[in-house]
Amino acid sequence: MKPVFEAFGTLSWLTPLTGLIELVAGILIIFFPKTRALGAIMILPVMIGILCHNATFMPSGLLIAGALFLVNLWMIGDNWKKYQTMVS
């Protein structure tokens, strides 16, 4: 597990980028209801990464990560009509 964290340490741009995406998506979800769909899509890849990380390295956090992932999927499902133009 140590080589994995050393690899993430060499990518000095990855952690700030992930933090920025989380911050912007959270602001879009919480403060601006019209942009909730955009925030939910922005945070989805980060949530998948968190879920995979917890499943692989820290199974004790899988319950909370899974619950947050389900909330994210619920937000996407709730805003599905906004995404239909992108999908079709």
PDB file of N, CA and C in Angstrom:
ATOM      1  N   MET A   1       0.813  -1.182   0.000  1.00  0.00           N
ATOM      2  CA  MET A   1       0.000   0.000   0.000  1.00  0.00           C
ATOM      3  C   MET A   1       0.868   1.262   0.000  1.00  0.00           C
ATOM      4  N   LYS A   2       2.054   1.161   0.547  1.00  0.00           N
ATOM      5  CA  LYS A   2       2.939   2.306   0.592  1.00  0.00           C
ATOM      6  C   LYS A   2       3.319   2.813  -0.801  1.00  0.00           C
ATOM      7  N   PRO A   3       3.620   1.923  -1.773  1.00  0.00           N
ATOM      8  CA  PRO A   3       3.945   2.432  -3.117  1.00  0.00           C
ATOM      9  C   PRO A   3       2.806   3.204  -3.775  1.00  0.00           C
ATOM     10  N   VAL A   4       1.572   2.839  -3.444  1.00  0.00           N
ATOM     11  CA  VAL A   4       0.417   3.546  -4.015  1.00  0.00           C
ATOM     12  C   VAL A   4       0.407   4.994  -3.531  1.00  0.00           C
ATOM     13  N   PHE A   5       0.610   5.187  -2.232  1.00  0.00           N
ATOM     14  CA  PHE A   5       0.610   6.544  -1.684  1.00  0.00           C
ATOM     15  C   PHE A   5       1.827   7.329  -2.153  1.00  0.00           C
ATOM     16  N   GLU A   6       2.966   6.654  -2.355  1.00  0.00           N
ATOM     17  CA  GLU A   6       4.138   7.338  -2.894  1.00  0.00           C
ATOM     18  C   GLU A   6       3.877   7.788  -4.332  1.00  0.00           C
ATOM     19  N   ALA A   7       3.145   6.977  -5.088  1.00  0.00           N
ATOM     20  CA  ALA A   7       2.810   7.356  -6.465  1.00  0.00           C
ATOM     21  C   ALA A   7       1.895   8.571  -6.484  1.00  0.00           C
ATOM     22  N   PHE A   8       0.919   8.602  -5.576  1.00  0.00           N
ATOM     23  CA  PHE A   8       0.048   9.776  -5.496  1.00  0.00           C
ATOM     24  C   PHE A   8       0.828  11.004  -5.052  1.00  0.00           C
ATOM     25  N   GLY A   9       1.862  10.808  -4.238  1.00  0.00           N
ATOM     26  CA  GLY A   9       2.678  11.923  -3.781  1.00  0.00           C
ATOM     27  C   GLY A   9       3.496  12.556  -4.898  1.00  0.00           C
ATOM     28  N   THR A  10       3.866  11.764  -5.898  1.00  0.00           N
ATOM     29  CA  THR A  10       4.648  12.323  -7.008  1.00  0.00           C
ATOM     30  C   THR A  10       3.777  13.153  -7.941  1.00  0.00           C
ATOM     31  N   LEU A  11       2.481  12.920  -7.931  1.00  0.00           N
ATOM     32  CA  LEU A  11       1.559  13.722  -8.736  1.00  0.00           C
ATOM     33  C   LEU A  11       1.071  14.889  -7.886  1.00  0.00           C
ATOM     34  N   SER A  12       1.850  15.940  -7.846  1.00  0.00           N
ATOM     35  CA  SER A  12       1.542  17.052  -6.939  1.00  0.00           C
ATOM     36  C   SER A  12       0.285  17.815  -7.339  1.00  0.00           C
ATOM     37  N   TRP A  13      -0.184  17.652  -8.555  1.00  0.00           N
ATOM     38  CA  TRP A  13      -1.352  18.381  -9.037  1.00  0.00           C
ATOM     39  C   TRP A  13      -2.661  17.636  -8.778  1.00  0.00           C
ATOM     40  N   LEU A  14      -2.580  16.342  -8.435  1.00  0.00           N
ATOM     41  CA  LEU A  14      -3.787  15.527  -8.331  1.00  0.00           C
ATOM     42  C   LEU A  14      -4.654  15.890  -7.123  1.00  0.00           C
ATOM     43  N   THR A  15      -4.052  16.035  -5.971  1.00  0.00           N
ATOM     44  CA  THR A  15      -4.828  16.340  -4.768  1.00  0.00           C
ATOM     45  C   THR A  15      -5.492  17.719  -4.842  1.00  0.00           C
ATOM     46  N   PRO A  16      -4.780  18.784  -5.248  1.00  0.00           N
ATOM     47  CA  PRO A  16      -5.471  20.070  -5.375  1.00  0.00           C
ATOM     48  C   PRO A  16      -6.592  20.049  -6.415  1.00  0.00           C
ATOM     49  N   LEU A  17      -6.397  19.319  -7.514  1.00  0.00           N
ATOM     50  CA  LEU A  17      -7.441  19.227  -8.536  1.00  0.00           C
ATOM     51  C   LEU A  17      -8.678  18.534  -7.989  1.00  0.00           C
ATOM     52  N   THR A  18      -8.474  17.433  -7.290  1.00  0.00           N
ATOM     53  CA  THR A  18      -9.602  16.714  -6.692  1.00  0.00           C
ATOM     54  C   THR A  18     -10.314  17.588  -5.662  1.00  0.00           C
ATOM     55  N   GLY A  19      -9.545  18.290  -4.855  1.00  0.00           N
ATOM     56  CA  GLY A  19     -10.143  19.185  -3.865  1.00  0.00           C
ATOM     57  C   GLY A  19     -10.934  20.306  -4.505  1.00  0.00           C
ATOM     58  N   LEU A  20     -10.402  20.875  -5.587  1.00  0.00           N
ATOM     59  CA  LEU A  20     -11.102  21.944  -6.286  1.00  0.00           C
ATOM     60  C   LEU A  20     -12.416  21.443  -6.883  1.00  0.00           C
ATOM     61  N   ILE A  21     -12.380  20.255  -7.487  1.00  0.00           N
ATOM     62  CA  ILE A  21     -13.602  19.678  -8.058  1.00  0.00           C
ATOM     63  C   ILE A  21     -14.630  19.426  -6.959  1.00  0.00           C
ATOM     64  N   GLU A  22     -14.188  18.885  -5.825  1.00  0.00           N
ATOM     65  CA  GLU A  22     -15.113  18.642  -4.717  1.00  0.00           C
ATOM     66  C   GLU A  22     -15.714  19.950  -4.213  1.00  0.00           C
ATOM     67  N   LEU A  23     -14.891  20.983  -4.091  1.00  0.00           N
ATOM     68  CA  LEU A  23     -15.371  22.269  -3.590  1.00  0.00           C
ATOM     69  C   LEU A  23     -16.376  22.917  -4.542  1.00  0.00           C
ATOM     70  N   VAL A  24     -16.030  22.971  -5.823  1.00  0.00           N
ATOM     71  CA  VAL A  24     -16.928  23.589  -6.802  1.00  0.00           C
ATOM     72  C   VAL A  24     -18.231  22.801  -6.916  1.00  0.00           C
ATOM     73  N   ALA A  25     -18.132  21.467  -6.980  1.00  0.00           N
ATOM     74  CA  ALA A  25     -19.343  20.646  -7.084  1.00  0.00           C
ATOM     75  C   ALA A  25     -20.210  20.801  -5.841  1.00  0.00           C
ATOM     76  N   GLY A  26     -19.595  20.843  -4.670  1.00  0.00           N
ATOM     77  CA  GLY A  26     -20.357  21.030  -3.440  1.00  0.00           C
ATOM     78  C   GLY A  26     -21.072  22.367  -3.405  1.00  0.00           C
ATOM     79  N   ILE A  27     -20.402  23.423  -3.853  1.00  0.00           N
ATOM     80  CA  ILE A  27     -21.033  24.747  -3.907  1.00  0.00           C
ATOM     81  C   ILE A  27     -22.206  24.734  -4.885  1.00  0.00           C
ATOM     82  N   LEU A  28     -22.008  24.094  -6.043  1.00  0.00           N
ATOM     83  CA  LEU A  28     -23.096  24.021  -7.029  1.00  0.00           C
ATOM     84  C   LEU A  28     -24.289  23.239  -6.495  1.00  0.00           C
ATOM     85  N   ILE A  29     -24.028  22.207  -5.722  1.00  0.00           N
ATOM     86  CA  ILE A  29     -25.113  21.381  -5.189  1.00  0.00           C
ATOM     87  C   ILE A  29     -25.840  22.086  -4.047  1.00  0.00           C
ATOM     88  N   ILE A  30     -25.093  22.694  -3.150  1.00  0.00           N
ATOM     89  CA  ILE A  30     -25.699  23.239  -1.933  1.00  0.00           C
ATOM     90  C   ILE A  30     -26.327  24.618  -2.141  1.00  0.00           C
ATOM     91  N   PHE A  31     -25.609  25.522  -2.791  1.00  0.00           N
ATOM     92  CA  PHE A  31     -26.037  26.920  -2.816  1.00  0.00           C
ATOM     93  C   PHE A  31     -26.848  27.330  -4.035  1.00  0.00           C
ATOM     94  N   PHE A  32     -26.733  26.597  -5.124  1.00  0.00           N
ATOM     95  CA  PHE A  32     -27.420  26.988  -6.351  1.00  0.00           C
ATOM     96  C   PHE A  32     -28.271  25.823  -6.851  1.00  0.00           C
ATOM     97  N   PRO A  33     -29.543  25.764  -6.490  1.00  0.00           N
ATOM     98  CA  PRO A  33     -30.397  24.630  -6.876  1.00  0.00           C
ATOM     99  C   PRO A  33     -30.478  24.404  -8.384  1.00  0.00           C
ATOM    100  N   LYS A  34     -30.391  25.464  -9.181  1.00  0.00           N
ATOM    101  CA  LYS A  34     -30.471  25.281 -10.636  1.00  0.00           C
ATOM    102  C   LYS A  34     -29.255  24.542 -11.190  1.00  0.00           C
ATOM    103  N   THR A  35     -28.135  24.556 -10.477  1.00  0.00           N
ATOM    104  CA  THR A  35     -26.914  23.901 -10.961  1.00  0.00           C
ATOM    105  C   THR A  35     -26.641  22.587 -10.237  1.00  0.00           C
ATOM    106  N   ARG A  36     -27.640  22.085  -9.516  1.00  0.00           N
ATOM    107  CA  ARG A  36     -27.461  20.838  -8.767  1.00  0.00           C
ATOM    108  C   ARG A  36     -27.112  19.664  -9.693  1.00  0.00           C
ATOM    109  N   ALA A  37     -27.698  19.631 -10.873  1.00  0.00           N
ATOM    110  CA  ALA A  37     -27.413  18.536 -11.820  1.00  0.00           C
ATOM    111  C   ALA A  37     -25.951  18.571 -12.269  1.00  0.00           C
ATOM    112  N   LEU A  38     -25.427  19.755 -12.533  1.00  0.00           N
ATOM    113  CA  LEU A  38     -24.027  19.880 -12.928  1.00  0.00           C
ATOM    114  C   LEU A  38     -23.095  19.464 -11.791  1.00  0.00           C
ATOM    115  N   GLY A  39     -23.414  19.882 -10.574  1.00  0.00           N
ATOM    116  CA  GLY A  39     -22.596  19.496  -9.425  1.00  0.00           C
ATOM    117  C   GLY A  39     -22.602  17.998  -9.188  1.00  0.00           C
ATOM    118  N   ALA A  40     -23.753  17.364  -9.382  1.00  0.00           N
ATOM    119  CA  ALA A  40     -23.846  15.911  -9.187  1.00  0.00           C
ATOM    120  C   ALA A  40     -23.006  15.159 -10.212  1.00  0.00           C
ATOM    121  N   ILE A  41     -22.997  15.632 -11.453  1.00  0.00           N
ATOM    122  CA  ILE A  41     -22.179  14.981 -12.486  1.00  0.00           C
ATOM    123  C   ILE A  41     -20.693  15.238 -12.241  1.00  0.00           C
ATOM    124  N   MET A  42     -20.366  16.436 -11.771  1.00  0.00           N
ATOM    125  CA  MET A  42     -18.959  16.750 -11.499  1.00  0.00           C
ATOM    126  C   MET A  42     -18.389  15.888 -10.381  1.00  0.00           C
ATOM    127  N   ILE A  43     -19.182  15.609  -9.368  1.00  0.00           N
ATOM    128  CA  ILE A  43     -18.684  14.874  -8.210  1.00  0.00           C
ATOM    129  C   ILE A  43     -18.716  13.352  -8.423  1.00  0.00           C
ATOM    130  N   LEU A  44     -19.427  12.887  -9.460  1.00  0.00           N
ATOM    131  CA  LEU A  44     -19.560  11.441  -9.689  1.00  0.00           C
ATOM    132  C   LEU A  44     -18.217  10.719  -9.859  1.00  0.00           C
ATOM    133  N   PRO A  45     -17.275  11.181 -10.694  1.00  0.00           N
ATOM    134  CA  PRO A  45     -15.999  10.460 -10.801  1.00  0.00           C
ATOM    135  C   PRO A  45     -15.206  10.445  -9.496  1.00  0.00           C
ATOM    136  N   VAL A  46     -15.300  11.519  -8.739  1.00  0.00           N
ATOM    137  CA  VAL A  46     -14.616  11.561  -7.444  1.00  0.00           C
ATOM    138  C   VAL A  46     -15.240  10.536  -6.499  1.00  0.00           C
ATOM    139  N   MET A  47     -16.572  10.444  -6.501  1.00  0.00           N
ATOM    140  CA  MET A  47     -17.250   9.477  -5.642  1.00  0.00           C
ATOM    141  C   MET A  47     -16.915   8.036  -6.032  1.00  0.00           C
ATOM    142  N   ILE A  48     -16.802   7.784  -7.325  1.00  0.00           N
ATOM    143  CA  ILE A  48     -16.418   6.440  -7.770  1.00  0.00           C
ATOM    144  C   ILE A  48     -15.011   6.110  -7.281  1.00  0.00           C
ATOM    145  N   GLY A  49     -14.106   7.096  -7.359  1.00  0.00           N
ATOM    146  CA  GLY A  49     -12.747   6.894  -6.854  1.00  0.00           C
ATOM    147  C   GLY A  49     -12.722   6.643  -5.356  1.00  0.00           C
ATOM    148  N   ILE A  50     -13.526   7.379  -4.611  1.00  0.00           N
ATOM    149  CA  ILE A  50     -13.602   7.182  -3.163  1.00  0.00           C
ATOM    150  C   ILE A  50     -14.161   5.798  -2.843  1.00  0.00           C
ATOM    151  N   LEU A  51     -15.182   5.398  -3.577  1.00  0.00           N
ATOM    152  CA  LEU A  51     -15.785   4.082  -3.360  1.00  0.00           C
ATOM    153  C   LEU A  51     -14.777   2.966  -3.656  1.00  0.00           C
ATOM    154  N   CYS A  52     -14.063   3.078  -4.764  1.00  0.00           N
ATOM    155  CA  CYS A  52     -13.053   2.064  -5.119  1.00  0.00           C
ATOM    156  C   CYS A  52     -11.904   2.039  -4.112  1.00  0.00           C
ATOM    157  N   HIS A  53     -11.484   3.215  -3.672  1.00  0.00           N
ATOM    158  CA  HIS A  53     -10.402   3.282  -2.687  1.00  0.00           C
ATOM    159  C   HIS A  53     -10.822   2.605  -1.385  1.00  0.00           C
ATOM    160  N   ASN A  54     -12.041   2.906  -0.927  1.00  0.00           N
ATOM    161  CA  ASN A  54     -12.508   2.284   0.308  1.00  0.00           C
ATOM    162  C   ASN A  54     -12.702   0.784   0.147  1.00  0.00           C
ATOM    163  N   ALA A  55     -13.165   0.353  -1.003  1.00  0.00           N
ATOM    164  CA  ALA A  55     -13.351  -1.087  -1.223  1.00  0.00           C
ATOM    165  C   ALA A  55     -12.005  -1.816  -1.229  1.00  0.00           C
ATOM    166  N   THR A  56     -10.961  -1.147  -1.725  1.00  0.00           N
ATOM    167  CA  THR A  56      -9.660  -1.792  -1.841  1.00  0.00           C
ATOM    168  C   THR A  56      -8.820  -1.670  -0.575  1.00  0.00           C
ATOM    169  N   PHE A  57      -8.717  -0.472  -0.036  1.00  0.00           N
ATOM    170  CA  PHE A  57      -7.759  -0.222   1.035  1.00  0.00           C
ATOM    171  C   PHE A  57      -8.379  -0.040   2.414  1.00  0.00           C
ATOM    172  N   MET A  58      -9.622   0.376   2.498  1.00  0.00           N
ATOM    173  CA  MET A  58     -10.208   0.681   3.789  1.00  0.00           C
ATOM    174  C   MET A  58     -11.677   0.242   3.826  1.00  0.00           C
ATOM    175  N   PRO A  59     -11.930  -1.049   3.883  1.00  0.00           N
ATOM    176  CA  PRO A  59     -13.313  -1.539   3.849  1.00  0.00           C
ATOM    177  C   PRO A  59     -14.179  -1.023   4.993  1.00  0.00           C
ATOM    178  N   SER A  60     -13.565  -0.563   6.067  1.00  0.00           N
ATOM    179  CA  SER A  60     -14.366  -0.054   7.186  1.00  0.00           C
ATOM    180  C   SER A  60     -15.116   1.226   6.805  1.00  0.00           C
ATOM    181  N   GLY A  61     -14.620   1.974   5.825  1.00  0.00           N
ATOM    182  CA  GLY A  61     -15.286   3.197   5.388  1.00  0.00           C
ATOM    183  C   GLY A  61     -16.239   2.988   4.231  1.00  0.00           C
ATOM    184  N   LEU A  62     -16.416   1.736   3.845  1.00  0.00           N
ATOM    185  CA  LEU A  62     -17.240   1.434   2.673  1.00  0.00           C
ATOM    186  C   LEU A  62     -18.718   1.761   2.899  1.00  0.00           C
ATOM    187  N   LEU A  63     -19.194   1.633   4.103  1.00  0.00           N
ATOM    188  CA  LEU A  63     -20.613   1.904   4.383  1.00  0.00           C
ATOM    189  C   LEU A  63     -20.935   3.381   4.141  1.00  0.00           C
ATOM    190  N   ILE A  64     -20.113   4.256   4.654  1.00  0.00           N
ATOM    191  CA  ILE A  64     -20.373   5.691   4.483  1.00  0.00           C
ATOM    192  C   ILE A  64     -20.137   6.112   3.047  1.00  0.00           C
ATOM    193  N   ALA A  65     -19.086   5.582   2.405  1.00  0.00           N
ATOM    194  CA  ALA A  65     -18.833   5.911   1.002  1.00  0.00           C
ATOM    195  C   ALA A  65     -19.972   5.416   0.130  1.00  0.00           C
ATOM    196  N   GLY A  66     -20.480   4.224   0.421  1.00  0.00           N
ATOM    197  CA  GLY A  66     -21.607   3.684  -0.338  1.00  0.00           C
ATOM    198  C   GLY A  66     -22.867   4.520  -0.161  1.00  0.00           C
ATOM    199  N   ALA A  67     -23.095   4.991   1.065  1.00  0.00           N
ATOM    200  CA  ALA A  67     -24.273   5.829   1.309  1.00  0.00           C
ATOM    201  C   ALA A  67     -24.169   7.151   0.542  1.00  0.00           C
ATOM    202  N   LEU A  68     -23.001   7.768   0.545  1.00  0.00           N
ATOM    203  CA  LEU A  68     -22.817   9.015  -0.193  1.00  0.00           C
ATOM    204  C   LEU A  68     -22.913   8.794  -1.705  1.00  0.00           C
ATOM    205  N   PHE A  69     -22.436   7.646  -2.165  1.00  0.00           N
ATOM    206  CA  PHE A  69     -22.551   7.302  -3.582  1.00  0.00           C
ATOM    207  C   PHE A  69     -24.021   7.139  -3.973  1.00  0.00           C
ATOM    208  N   LEU A  70     -24.803   6.524  -3.109  1.00  0.00           N
ATOM    209  CA  LEU A  70     -26.234   6.370  -3.383  1.00  0.00           C
ATOM    210  C   LEU A  70     -26.946   7.718  -3.390  1.00  0.00           C
ATOM    211  N   VAL A  71     -26.542   8.631  -2.521  1.00  0.00           N
ATOM    212  CA  VAL A  71     -27.118   9.977  -2.529  1.00  0.00           C
ATOM    213  C   VAL A  71     -26.787  10.667  -3.850  1.00  0.00           C
ATOM    214  N   ASN A  72     -25.546  10.489  -4.313  1.00  0.00           N
ATOM    215  CA  ASN A  72     -25.144  11.074  -5.597  1.00  0.00           C
ATOM    216  C   ASN A  72     -25.969  10.484  -6.739  1.00  0.00           C
ATOM    217  N   LEU A  73     -26.166   9.181  -6.740  1.00  0.00           N
ATOM    218  CA  LEU A  73     -26.985   8.558  -7.770  1.00  0.00           C
ATOM    219  C   LEU A  73     -28.432   9.036  -7.691  1.00  0.00           C
ATOM    220  N   TRP A  74     -28.930   9.257  -6.478  1.00  0.00           N
ATOM    221  CA  TRP A  74     -30.279   9.782  -6.311  1.00  0.00           C
ATOM    222  C   TRP A  74     -30.397  11.186  -6.908  1.00  0.00           C
ATOM    223  N   MET A  75     -29.385  12.027  -6.680  1.00  0.00           N
ATOM    224  CA  MET A  75     -29.415  13.376  -7.263  1.00  0.00           C
ATOM    225  C   MET A  75     -29.378  13.322  -8.786  1.00  0.00           C
ATOM    226  N   ILE A  76     -28.582  12.416  -9.329  1.00  0.00           N
ATOM    227  CA  ILE A  76     -28.526  12.269 -10.785  1.00  0.00           C
ATOM    228  C   ILE A  76     -29.862  11.761 -11.314  1.00  0.00           C
ATOM    229  N   GLY A  77     -30.460  10.780 -10.641  1.00  0.00           N
ATOM    230  CA  GLY A  77     -31.764  10.275 -11.063  1.00  0.00           C
ATOM    231  C   GLY A  77     -32.850  11.322 -10.954  1.00  0.00           C
ATOM    232  N   ASP A  78     -32.768  12.152  -9.930  1.00  0.00           N
ATOM    233  CA  ASP A  78     -33.750  13.208  -9.739  1.00  0.00           C
ATOM    234  C   ASP A  78     -33.662  14.274 -10.828  1.00  0.00           C
ATOM    235  N   ASN A  79     -32.493  14.466 -11.387  1.00  0.00           N
ATOM    236  CA  ASN A  79     -32.275  15.476 -12.431  1.00  0.00           C
ATOM    237  C   ASN A  79     -32.107  14.856 -13.813  1.00  0.00           C
ATOM    238  N   TRP A  80     -32.603  13.640 -14.001  1.00  0.00           N
ATOM    239  CA  TRP A  80     -32.354  12.909 -15.246  1.00  0.00           C
ATOM    240  C   TRP A  80     -32.841  13.654 -16.490  1.00  0.00           C
ATOM    241  N   LYS A  81     -33.919  14.390 -16.390  1.00  0.00           N
ATOM    242  CA  LYS A  81     -34.443  15.106 -17.554  1.00  0.00           C
ATOM    243  C   LYS A  81     -33.446  16.146 -18.064  1.00  0.00           C
ATOM    244  N   LYS A  82     -32.648  16.692 -17.181  1.00  0.00           N
ATOM    245  CA  LYS A  82     -31.639  17.677 -17.582  1.00  0.00           C
ATOM    246  C   LYS A  82     -30.500  17.030 -18.357  1.00  0.00           C
ATOM    247  N   TYR A  83     -30.270  15.741 -18.127  1.00  0.00           N
ATOM    248  CA  TYR A  83     -29.175  15.018 -18.786  1.00  0.00           C
ATOM    249  C   TYR A  83     -29.595  14.409 -20.121  1.00  0.00           C
ATOM    250  N   GLN A  84     -30.884  14.293 -20.385  1.00  0.00           N
ATOM    251  CA  GLN A  84     -31.351  13.594 -21.572  1.00  0.00           C
ATOM    252  C   GLN A  84     -30.833  14.204 -22.868  1.00  0.00           C
ATOM    253  N   THR A  85     -30.656  15.509 -22.906  1.00  0.00           N
ATOM    254  CA  THR A  85     -30.140  16.125 -24.130  1.00  0.00           C
ATOM    255  C   THR A  85     -28.688  15.727 -24.370  1.00  0.00           C
ATOM    256  N   MET A  86     -27.921  15.494 -23.296  1.00  0.00           N
ATOM    257  CA  MET A  86     -26.537  15.052 -23.465  1.00  0.00           C
ATOM    258  C   MET A  86     -26.469  13.612 -23.942  1.00  0.00           C
ATOM    259  N   VAL A  87     -27.372  12.784 -23.448  1.00  0.00           N
ATOM    260  CA  VAL A  87     -27.344  11.358 -23.757  1.00  0.00           C
ATOM    261  C   VAL A  87     -27.897  11.066 -25.149  1.00  0.00           C
ATOM    262  N   SER A  88     -28.929  11.781 -25.547  1.00  0.00           N
ATOM    263  CA  SER A  88     -29.562  11.477 -26.844  1.00  0.00           C
ATOM    264  C   SER A  88     -28.846  12.123 -28.011  1.00  0.00           C
TER     265      SER A  88
END
